[in-house]
Amino acid sequence: MPRILISLAFALSLAACDSGHPGAVPQAEYEGDLGEAVVRHLIKNLPDPAPGVPKSYCIVKGKSLDATSPDFARRFADLKLRFLSGGALVVAPPDDAVVDPETRLAVFVLQIASIKPSGPESWTVEVGWQYKRFFEKLRYDVAIKDGKPAVLNSTRVEGNWQPAVAPASPTKP
């Protein structure tokens, strides 16, 4: 039952193209080097909606928000972050936030929504993230660079995260 609630909560904000489209990379292949490069880029560029609060992370894939394998999460061990399986998450009242069942703190949900080839060694990847009520969907242009997949360009598709604007510096007379 928790997986159904979690899926419904995420589907509203992170719904994206399904990998069942012709020419798309099969979802089973999202957990390779390409998926790792994309998730690393996503993590590196995440905002911090709650500075100072410990974060947990969950990686899901496809429109159906399927959990990734523990082996895929282990690829990120060097980041020293707490990764959870999608099946372990719970939805907590009063705002129906997705939380870590152990810490009861909100979880960053990272989604690899779809991967489509755009050339022999390039792809268009739809990704998203959600933290409490904040979310963003992004489109990455990825290509092989120095023998490894690298995100070359990132485009914001939609979202409700608005980074804080730094106050303008006073001008000197």
N, C-alpha and C. Protein backbone atom coordinates (compact mmCIF):
# COMPACT_ATOMS: atom_id res chain seq x y z
N MET A 1 0.81 -1.20 0.00
CA MET A 1 0.00 0.00 0.00
C MET A 1 0.85 1.27 0.00
N PRO A 2 1.97 1.36 0.80
CA PRO A 2 2.77 2.57 0.78
C PRO A 2 3.32 2.86 -0.61
N ARG A 3 3.69 1.82 -1.37
CA ARG A 3 4.24 2.03 -2.71
C ARG A 3 3.20 2.70 -3.60
N ILE A 4 1.92 2.34 -3.45
CA ILE A 4 0.87 2.95 -4.25
C ILE A 4 0.74 4.42 -3.90
N LEU A 5 0.73 4.74 -2.61
CA LEU A 5 0.63 6.14 -2.20
C LEU A 5 1.82 6.95 -2.69
N ILE A 6 3.01 6.37 -2.58
CA ILE A 6 4.21 7.05 -3.03
C ILE A 6 4.14 7.28 -4.53
N SER A 7 3.74 6.26 -5.28
CA SER A 7 3.64 6.40 -6.73
C SER A 7 2.66 7.49 -7.11
N LEU A 8 1.53 7.56 -6.42
CA LEU A 8 0.55 8.60 -6.73
C LEU A 8 1.10 9.98 -6.43
N ALA A 9 1.80 10.13 -5.33
CA ALA A 9 2.37 11.42 -4.97
C ALA A 9 3.41 11.87 -6.00
N PHE A 10 4.26 10.95 -6.42
CA PHE A 10 5.30 11.30 -7.38
C PHE A 10 4.75 11.52 -8.77
N ALA A 11 3.77 10.74 -9.15
CA ALA A 11 3.24 10.81 -10.50
C ALA A 11 2.71 12.19 -10.83
N LEU A 12 2.17 12.87 -9.84
CA LEU A 12 1.64 14.20 -10.07
C LEU A 12 2.73 15.20 -10.41
N SER A 13 3.90 15.05 -9.80
CA SER A 13 4.93 16.05 -10.03
C SER A 13 6.07 15.60 -10.94
N LEU A 14 6.32 14.32 -11.04
CA LEU A 14 7.45 13.87 -11.83
C LEU A 14 7.06 13.05 -13.05
N ALA A 15 5.78 13.02 -13.42
CA ALA A 15 5.36 12.23 -14.58
C ALA A 15 6.14 12.67 -15.80
N ALA A 16 6.62 11.71 -16.55
CA ALA A 16 7.42 12.01 -17.74
C ALA A 16 7.23 10.91 -18.77
N CYS A 17 7.96 11.03 -19.85
CA CYS A 17 7.83 10.07 -20.95
C CYS A 17 8.19 8.67 -20.50
N ASP A 18 7.48 7.69 -20.97
CA ASP A 18 7.73 6.29 -20.66
C ASP A 18 8.81 5.77 -21.57
N SER A 19 9.61 4.82 -21.12
CA SER A 19 10.67 4.25 -21.95
C SER A 19 10.13 3.24 -22.94
N GLY A 20 8.81 3.05 -23.01
CA GLY A 20 8.22 2.13 -23.96
C GLY A 20 8.06 2.73 -25.34
N HIS A 21 8.50 3.95 -25.54
CA HIS A 21 8.39 4.61 -26.83
C HIS A 21 9.40 4.00 -27.81
N PRO A 22 9.03 3.94 -29.09
CA PRO A 22 9.95 3.40 -30.09
C PRO A 22 11.29 4.14 -30.08
N GLY A 23 12.36 3.41 -30.12
CA GLY A 23 13.70 3.98 -30.15
C GLY A 23 14.25 4.34 -28.78
N ALA A 24 13.46 4.24 -27.74
CA ALA A 24 13.93 4.58 -26.40
C ALA A 24 14.78 3.45 -25.83
N VAL A 25 15.68 3.80 -24.94
CA VAL A 25 16.51 2.82 -24.25
C VAL A 25 15.61 2.05 -23.29
N PRO A 26 15.68 0.72 -23.28
CA PRO A 26 14.85 -0.07 -22.35
C PRO A 26 15.17 0.31 -20.90
N GLN A 27 14.14 0.37 -20.08
CA GLN A 27 14.28 0.75 -18.69
C GLN A 27 15.27 -0.15 -17.96
N ALA A 28 15.38 -1.38 -18.36
CA ALA A 28 16.32 -2.31 -17.72
C ALA A 28 17.77 -1.84 -17.85
N GLU A 29 18.05 -0.96 -18.83
CA GLU A 29 19.41 -0.48 -19.05
C GLU A 29 19.71 0.86 -18.36
N TYR A 30 18.78 1.39 -17.60
CA TYR A 30 18.98 2.68 -16.95
C TYR A 30 20.03 2.63 -15.84
N GLU A 31 20.34 1.45 -15.35
CA GLU A 31 21.24 1.32 -14.22
C GLU A 31 22.69 1.07 -14.61
N GLY A 32 23.06 1.46 -15.82
CA GLY A 32 24.43 1.31 -16.30
C GLY A 32 25.22 2.60 -16.12
N ASP A 33 26.32 2.71 -16.87
CA ASP A 33 27.20 3.87 -16.78
C ASP A 33 26.47 5.17 -17.14
N LEU A 34 25.59 5.11 -18.12
CA LEU A 34 24.84 6.30 -18.53
C LEU A 34 23.95 6.78 -17.39
N GLY A 35 23.18 5.88 -16.80
CA GLY A 35 22.32 6.24 -15.67
C GLY A 35 23.12 6.77 -14.50
N GLU A 36 24.26 6.16 -14.23
CA GLU A 36 25.11 6.64 -13.13
C GLU A 36 25.58 8.07 -13.40
N ALA A 37 26.04 8.35 -14.61
CA ALA A 37 26.51 9.70 -14.93
C ALA A 37 25.40 10.73 -14.77
N VAL A 38 24.21 10.36 -15.19
CA VAL A 38 23.05 11.27 -15.10
C VAL A 38 22.69 11.53 -13.64
N VAL A 39 22.63 10.49 -12.82
CA VAL A 39 22.28 10.66 -11.41
C VAL A 39 23.36 11.45 -10.68
N ARG A 40 24.61 11.20 -10.98
CA ARG A 40 25.69 11.97 -10.35
C ARG A 40 25.56 13.46 -10.69
N HIS A 41 25.25 13.76 -11.94
CA HIS A 41 25.08 15.15 -12.35
C HIS A 41 23.87 15.76 -11.62
N LEU A 42 22.80 15.02 -11.53
CA LEU A 42 21.60 15.49 -10.85
C LEU A 42 21.90 15.79 -9.38
N ILE A 43 22.56 14.86 -8.69
CA ILE A 43 22.90 15.06 -7.28
C ILE A 43 23.80 16.28 -7.10
N LYS A 44 24.79 16.41 -7.96
CA LYS A 44 25.74 17.53 -7.87
C LYS A 44 25.02 18.87 -8.00
N ASN A 45 23.92 18.92 -8.74
CA ASN A 45 23.24 20.17 -9.01
C ASN A 45 21.93 20.36 -8.25
N LEU A 46 21.66 19.49 -7.27
CA LEU A 46 20.44 19.64 -6.48
C LEU A 46 20.49 20.90 -5.63
N PRO A 47 19.36 21.56 -5.48
CA PRO A 47 19.30 22.67 -4.53
C PRO A 47 19.24 22.11 -3.11
N ASP A 48 19.30 22.98 -2.13
CA ASP A 48 19.15 22.54 -0.74
C ASP A 48 17.97 23.28 -0.12
N PRO A 49 16.76 22.73 -0.29
CA PRO A 49 15.57 23.40 0.24
C PRO A 49 15.53 23.47 1.77
N ALA A 50 16.32 22.65 2.44
CA ALA A 50 16.34 22.65 3.91
C ALA A 50 17.79 22.58 4.38
N PRO A 51 18.50 23.71 4.30
CA PRO A 51 19.91 23.71 4.71
C PRO A 51 20.10 23.21 6.14
N GLY A 52 21.12 22.39 6.31
CA GLY A 52 21.45 21.87 7.63
C GLY A 52 20.68 20.63 8.04
N VAL A 53 19.64 20.27 7.29
CA VAL A 53 18.85 19.09 7.63
C VAL A 53 19.45 17.89 6.88
N PRO A 54 19.73 16.78 7.58
CA PRO A 54 20.27 15.59 6.89
C PRO A 54 19.31 15.12 5.80
N LYS A 55 19.87 14.61 4.70
CA LYS A 55 19.05 14.17 3.58
C LYS A 55 19.27 12.68 3.32
N SER A 56 18.22 12.04 2.86
CA SER A 56 18.29 10.68 2.32
C SER A 56 17.88 10.79 0.87
N TYR A 57 18.24 9.78 0.07
CA TYR A 57 17.99 9.81 -1.36
C TYR A 57 17.39 8.49 -1.81
N CYS A 58 16.56 8.56 -2.82
CA CYS A 58 15.97 7.36 -3.43
C CYS A 58 15.98 7.58 -4.93
N ILE A 59 16.48 6.59 -5.67
CA ILE A 59 16.52 6.68 -7.13
C ILE A 59 15.44 5.78 -7.69
N VAL A 60 14.60 6.35 -8.56
CA VAL A 60 13.56 5.59 -9.23
C VAL A 60 13.75 5.76 -10.74
N LYS A 61 13.07 4.88 -11.48
CA LYS A 61 13.24 4.94 -12.93
C LYS A 61 11.92 4.72 -13.64
N GLY A 62 11.80 5.34 -14.81
CA GLY A 62 10.62 5.18 -15.64
C GLY A 62 9.43 5.96 -15.14
N LYS A 63 8.38 5.96 -15.96
CA LYS A 63 7.14 6.65 -15.61
C LYS A 63 6.47 6.00 -14.40
N SER A 64 6.65 4.71 -14.27
CA SER A 64 6.01 3.98 -13.16
C SER A 64 6.79 4.09 -11.86
N LEU A 65 7.91 4.82 -11.89
CA LEU A 65 8.71 5.07 -10.68
C LEU A 65 9.18 3.79 -10.01
N ASP A 66 9.66 2.87 -10.82
CA ASP A 66 10.17 1.60 -10.29
C ASP A 66 11.45 1.85 -9.50
N ALA A 67 11.60 1.14 -8.41
CA ALA A 67 12.81 1.25 -7.59
C ALA A 67 14.00 0.72 -8.37
N THR A 68 15.13 1.35 -8.18
CA THR A 68 16.36 0.82 -8.75
C THR A 68 16.93 -0.23 -7.80
N SER A 69 17.88 -0.98 -8.28
CA SER A 69 18.45 -2.06 -7.48
C SER A 69 19.43 -1.53 -6.43
N PRO A 70 19.64 -2.29 -5.37
CA PRO A 70 20.67 -1.92 -4.38
C PRO A 70 22.05 -1.82 -5.03
N ASP A 71 22.32 -2.65 -6.05
CA ASP A 71 23.61 -2.58 -6.73
C ASP A 71 23.81 -1.23 -7.40
N PHE A 72 22.73 -0.67 -7.96
CA PHE A 72 22.84 0.65 -8.59
C PHE A 72 23.13 1.71 -7.53
N ALA A 73 22.46 1.66 -6.41
CA ALA A 73 22.71 2.62 -5.33
C ALA A 73 24.14 2.51 -4.81
N ARG A 74 24.72 1.31 -4.81
CA ARG A 74 26.09 1.12 -4.33
C ARG A 74 27.10 1.83 -5.23
N ARG A 75 26.74 2.11 -6.48
CA ARG A 75 27.64 2.84 -7.38
C ARG A 75 27.97 4.23 -6.82
N PHE A 76 27.13 4.72 -5.91
CA PHE A 76 27.28 6.07 -5.39
C PHE A 76 27.86 6.09 -3.97
N ALA A 77 28.41 4.96 -3.54
CA ALA A 77 28.94 4.83 -2.16
C ALA A 77 30.00 5.89 -1.86
N ASP A 78 30.77 6.29 -2.87
CA ASP A 78 31.82 7.28 -2.66
C ASP A 78 31.26 8.65 -2.26
N LEU A 79 29.98 8.90 -2.53
CA LEU A 79 29.36 10.17 -2.18
C LEU A 79 29.00 10.26 -0.69
N LYS A 80 29.03 9.12 -0.01
CA LYS A 80 28.72 9.05 1.43
C LYS A 80 27.33 9.62 1.74
N LEU A 81 26.35 9.28 0.91
CA LEU A 81 24.97 9.71 1.10
C LEU A 81 24.13 8.50 1.50
N ARG A 82 23.02 8.73 2.13
CA ARG A 82 22.11 7.65 2.54
C ARG A 82 21.12 7.41 1.40
N PHE A 83 21.17 6.21 0.81
CA PHE A 83 20.25 5.83 -0.26
C PHE A 83 19.27 4.79 0.26
N LEU A 84 18.00 4.94 -0.10
CA LEU A 84 16.95 4.03 0.31
C LEU A 84 16.27 3.46 -0.92
N SER A 85 15.69 2.28 -0.77
CA SER A 85 14.87 1.67 -1.80
C SER A 85 13.52 2.37 -1.82
N GLY A 86 12.93 2.49 -3.01
CA GLY A 86 11.60 3.08 -3.13
C GLY A 86 10.56 2.34 -2.31
N GLY A 87 10.75 1.05 -2.13
CA GLY A 87 9.81 0.26 -1.36
C GLY A 87 9.88 0.52 0.14
N ALA A 88 10.96 1.16 0.59
CA ALA A 88 11.12 1.41 2.03
C ALA A 88 10.53 2.75 2.46
N LEU A 89 10.21 3.61 1.52
CA LEU A 89 9.73 4.95 1.86
C LEU A 89 8.30 4.92 2.39
N VAL A 90 7.98 5.92 3.19
CA VAL A 90 6.62 6.06 3.70
C VAL A 90 6.15 7.49 3.46
N VAL A 91 4.84 7.65 3.43
CA VAL A 91 4.22 8.96 3.29
C VAL A 91 3.73 9.37 4.67
N ALA A 92 4.15 10.57 5.12
CA ALA A 92 3.83 11.00 6.47
C ALA A 92 2.90 12.21 6.48
N PRO A 93 1.92 12.17 7.38
CA PRO A 93 1.05 13.33 7.55
C PRO A 93 1.85 14.46 8.23
N PRO A 94 1.46 15.68 8.24
CA PRO A 94 0.17 16.16 7.75
C PRO A 94 0.20 16.54 6.27
N ASP A 95 1.42 16.73 5.70
CA ASP A 95 1.49 17.21 4.32
C ASP A 95 1.79 16.11 3.30
N ASP A 96 1.70 14.85 3.71
CA ASP A 96 1.94 13.70 2.84
C ASP A 96 3.32 13.73 2.19
N ALA A 97 4.31 14.17 2.94
CA ALA A 97 5.69 14.17 2.45
C ALA A 97 6.23 12.74 2.45
N VAL A 98 7.08 12.45 1.48
CA VAL A 98 7.75 11.16 1.42
C VAL A 98 8.94 11.23 2.36
N VAL A 99 9.00 10.28 3.30
CA VAL A 99 10.03 10.35 4.33
C VAL A 99 10.79 9.02 4.46
N ASP A 100 11.95 9.14 5.05
CA ASP A 100 12.79 8.01 5.42
C ASP A 100 12.13 7.39 6.65
N PRO A 101 11.79 6.10 6.61
CA PRO A 101 11.09 5.50 7.75
C PRO A 101 11.91 5.49 9.04
N GLU A 102 13.23 5.52 8.93
CA GLU A 102 14.08 5.48 10.12
C GLU A 102 14.25 6.88 10.73
N THR A 103 14.56 7.87 9.92
CA THR A 103 14.82 9.22 10.43
C THR A 103 13.58 10.10 10.47
N ARG A 104 12.54 9.71 9.72
CA ARG A 104 11.30 10.47 9.56
C ARG A 104 11.54 11.83 8.90
N LEU A 105 12.68 11.98 8.24
CA LEU A 105 12.98 13.21 7.50
C LEU A 105 12.63 13.03 6.03
N ALA A 106 12.34 14.14 5.35
CA ALA A 106 12.00 14.10 3.93
C ALA A 106 13.14 13.51 3.11
N VAL A 107 12.78 12.88 2.00
CA VAL A 107 13.73 12.20 1.12
C VAL A 107 13.78 12.93 -0.22
N PHE A 108 14.96 13.05 -0.78
CA PHE A 108 15.11 13.51 -2.15
C PHE A 108 14.84 12.30 -3.04
N VAL A 109 13.80 12.37 -3.86
CA VAL A 109 13.52 11.31 -4.82
C VAL A 109 14.09 11.77 -6.15
N LEU A 110 14.95 10.94 -6.73
CA LEU A 110 15.61 11.24 -8.00
C LEU A 110 15.06 10.28 -9.05
N GLN A 111 14.59 10.82 -10.16
CA GLN A 111 13.97 9.98 -11.19
C GLN A 111 14.72 10.07 -12.51
N ILE A 112 15.06 8.89 -13.06
CA ILE A 112 15.48 8.79 -14.45
C ILE A 112 14.21 8.41 -15.19
N ALA A 113 13.56 9.39 -15.82
CA ALA A 113 12.25 9.15 -16.42
C ALA A 113 12.34 8.45 -17.77
N SER A 114 13.24 8.92 -18.63
CA SER A 114 13.39 8.28 -19.94
C SER A 114 14.76 8.58 -20.51
N ILE A 115 15.22 7.67 -21.33
CA ILE A 115 16.49 7.84 -22.04
C ILE A 115 16.23 7.51 -23.50
N LYS A 116 16.52 8.47 -24.38
CA LYS A 116 16.32 8.25 -25.82
C LYS A 116 17.61 8.59 -26.56
N PRO A 117 18.05 7.71 -27.46
CA PRO A 117 19.24 8.03 -28.25
C PRO A 117 18.98 9.24 -29.14
N SER A 118 19.98 10.11 -29.24
CA SER A 118 19.89 11.25 -30.14
C SER A 118 20.99 11.21 -31.20
N GLY A 119 21.84 10.20 -31.12
CA GLY A 119 22.93 9.99 -32.05
C GLY A 119 23.62 8.70 -31.69
N PRO A 120 24.71 8.36 -32.41
CA PRO A 120 25.40 7.09 -32.14
C PRO A 120 25.96 6.99 -30.72
N GLU A 121 26.42 8.10 -30.16
CA GLU A 121 26.96 8.11 -28.80
C GLU A 121 26.43 9.31 -28.03
N SER A 122 25.13 9.59 -28.21
CA SER A 122 24.50 10.69 -27.49
C SER A 122 23.05 10.35 -27.18
N TRP A 123 22.52 10.97 -26.11
CA TRP A 123 21.18 10.65 -25.63
C TRP A 123 20.51 11.92 -25.11
N THR A 124 19.19 11.90 -25.12
CA THR A 124 18.38 12.89 -24.43
C THR A 124 17.77 12.16 -23.25
N VAL A 125 18.00 12.69 -22.06
CA VAL A 125 17.56 12.03 -20.84
C VAL A 125 16.63 12.97 -20.07
N GLU A 126 15.46 12.46 -19.73
CA GLU A 126 14.51 13.20 -18.89
C GLU A 126 14.71 12.74 -17.46
N VAL A 127 14.96 13.69 -16.57
CA VAL A 127 15.16 13.38 -15.16
C VAL A 127 14.28 14.30 -14.32
N GLY A 128 14.17 13.99 -13.06
CA GLY A 128 13.42 14.84 -12.15
C GLY A 128 13.85 14.60 -10.72
N TRP A 129 13.53 15.54 -9.88
CA TRP A 129 13.76 15.38 -8.45
C TRP A 129 12.56 15.95 -7.70
N GLN A 130 12.35 15.41 -6.49
CA GLN A 130 11.29 15.91 -5.62
C GLN A 130 11.82 15.88 -4.19
N TYR A 131 11.53 16.96 -3.46
CA TYR A 131 11.84 17.03 -2.03
C TYR A 131 10.68 17.77 -1.38
N LYS A 132 9.94 17.06 -0.55
CA LYS A 132 8.70 17.58 0.03
C LYS A 132 7.79 18.05 -1.11
N ARG A 133 7.41 19.32 -1.10
CA ARG A 133 6.50 19.81 -2.14
C ARG A 133 7.25 20.40 -3.34
N PHE A 134 8.57 20.46 -3.27
CA PHE A 134 9.37 21.04 -4.35
C PHE A 134 9.74 19.97 -5.37
N PHE A 135 9.79 20.36 -6.63
CA PHE A 135 10.20 19.43 -7.68
C PHE A 135 10.71 20.18 -8.90
N GLU A 136 11.45 19.47 -9.73
CA GLU A 136 11.87 19.96 -11.04
C GLU A 136 11.97 18.79 -12.00
N LYS A 137 11.63 19.06 -13.25
CA LYS A 137 11.89 18.12 -14.34
C LYS A 137 12.92 18.79 -15.24
N LEU A 138 13.90 18.01 -15.65
CA LEU A 138 14.99 18.52 -16.47
C LEU A 138 15.22 17.63 -17.68
N ARG A 139 15.77 18.20 -18.71
CA ARG A 139 16.17 17.43 -19.89
C ARG A 139 17.69 17.60 -20.03
N TYR A 140 18.39 16.47 -20.05
CA TYR A 140 19.84 16.48 -20.21
C TYR A 140 20.22 16.02 -21.60
N ASP A 141 21.20 16.69 -22.19
CA ASP A 141 21.83 16.21 -23.41
C ASP A 141 23.13 15.56 -22.95
N VAL A 142 23.26 14.26 -23.24
CA VAL A 142 24.38 13.47 -22.75
C VAL A 142 25.13 12.88 -23.95
N ALA A 143 26.46 12.88 -23.87
CA ALA A 143 27.28 12.30 -24.93
C ALA A 143 28.52 11.69 -24.30
N ILE A 144 29.17 10.85 -25.07
CA ILE A 144 30.42 10.25 -24.61
C ILE A 144 31.52 11.30 -24.74
N LYS A 145 32.20 11.54 -23.62
CA LYS A 145 33.31 12.50 -23.58
C LYS A 145 34.45 11.84 -22.82
N ASP A 146 35.60 11.76 -23.43
CA ASP A 146 36.75 11.09 -22.82
C ASP A 146 36.41 9.65 -22.43
N GLY A 147 35.59 8.99 -23.25
CA GLY A 147 35.26 7.58 -23.05
C GLY A 147 34.15 7.31 -22.05
N LYS A 148 33.56 8.36 -21.46
CA LYS A 148 32.51 8.17 -20.47
C LYS A 148 31.32 9.07 -20.79
N PRO A 149 30.11 8.66 -20.37
CA PRO A 149 28.94 9.54 -20.56
C PRO A 149 29.09 10.81 -19.72
N ALA A 150 28.75 11.95 -20.32
CA ALA A 150 28.83 13.23 -19.62
C ALA A 150 27.64 14.09 -20.01
N VAL A 151 27.08 14.80 -19.05
CA VAL A 151 25.98 15.73 -19.32
C VAL A 151 26.59 16.99 -19.91
N LEU A 152 26.18 17.31 -21.15
CA LEU A 152 26.72 18.47 -21.83
C LEU A 152 25.83 19.70 -21.69
N ASN A 153 24.53 19.47 -21.52
CA ASN A 153 23.59 20.57 -21.44
C ASN A 153 22.40 20.14 -20.58
N SER A 154 21.88 21.09 -19.82
CA SER A 154 20.73 20.82 -18.98
C SER A 154 19.68 21.90 -19.24
N THR A 155 18.43 21.47 -19.45
CA THR A 155 17.34 22.39 -19.67
C THR A 155 16.23 22.10 -18.67
N ARG A 156 15.78 23.14 -17.99
CA ARG A 156 14.66 22.98 -17.05
C ARG A 156 13.38 22.89 -17.86
N VAL A 157 12.61 21.83 -17.63
CA VAL A 157 11.35 21.61 -18.32
C VAL A 157 10.20 22.22 -17.54
N GLU A 158 10.17 21.94 -16.25
CA GLU A 158 9.15 22.52 -15.37
C GLU A 158 9.55 22.29 -13.93
N GLY A 159 8.84 22.94 -13.03
CA GLY A 159 9.09 22.74 -11.61
C GLY A 159 8.58 23.92 -10.81
N ASN A 160 8.58 23.73 -9.49
CA ASN A 160 8.12 24.80 -8.62
C ASN A 160 9.22 25.28 -7.69
N TRP A 161 10.43 24.78 -7.84
CA TRP A 161 11.55 25.22 -7.02
C TRP A 161 12.02 26.58 -7.53
N GLN A 162 12.03 27.56 -6.64
CA GLN A 162 12.53 28.88 -6.96
C GLN A 162 13.68 29.18 -6.01
N PRO A 163 14.91 29.17 -6.53
CA PRO A 163 16.04 29.45 -5.64
C PRO A 163 15.92 30.86 -5.06
N ALA A 164 16.44 31.01 -3.88
CA ALA A 164 16.42 32.32 -3.23
C ALA A 164 17.26 33.29 -4.06
N VAL A 165 16.77 34.48 -4.19
CA VAL A 165 17.48 35.50 -4.94
C VAL A 165 18.34 36.28 -3.95
N ALA A 166 19.60 36.40 -4.29
CA ALA A 166 20.51 37.14 -3.42
C ALA A 166 20.14 38.62 -3.46
N PRO A 167 20.22 39.28 -2.31
CA PRO A 167 19.89 40.70 -2.31
C PRO A 167 20.89 41.48 -3.15
N ALA A 168 20.42 42.51 -3.80
CA ALA A 168 21.27 43.33 -4.64
C ALA A 168 22.27 44.06 -3.76
N SER A 169 23.49 44.18 -4.25
CA SER A 169 24.52 44.92 -3.52
C SER A 169 24.23 46.41 -3.62
N PRO A 170 24.41 47.09 -2.52
CA PRO A 170 24.18 48.53 -2.60
C PRO A 170 25.24 49.17 -3.50
N THR A 171 24.83 50.14 -4.27
CA THR A 171 25.78 50.82 -5.15
C THR A 171 26.42 51.97 -4.40
N LYS A 172 27.67 52.18 -4.70
CA LYS A 172 28.40 53.26 -4.05
C LYS A 172 28.20 54.53 -4.87
N PRO A 173 28.02 55.68 -4.19
CA PRO A 173 27.84 56.94 -4.92
C PRO A 173 29.11 57.41 -5.58
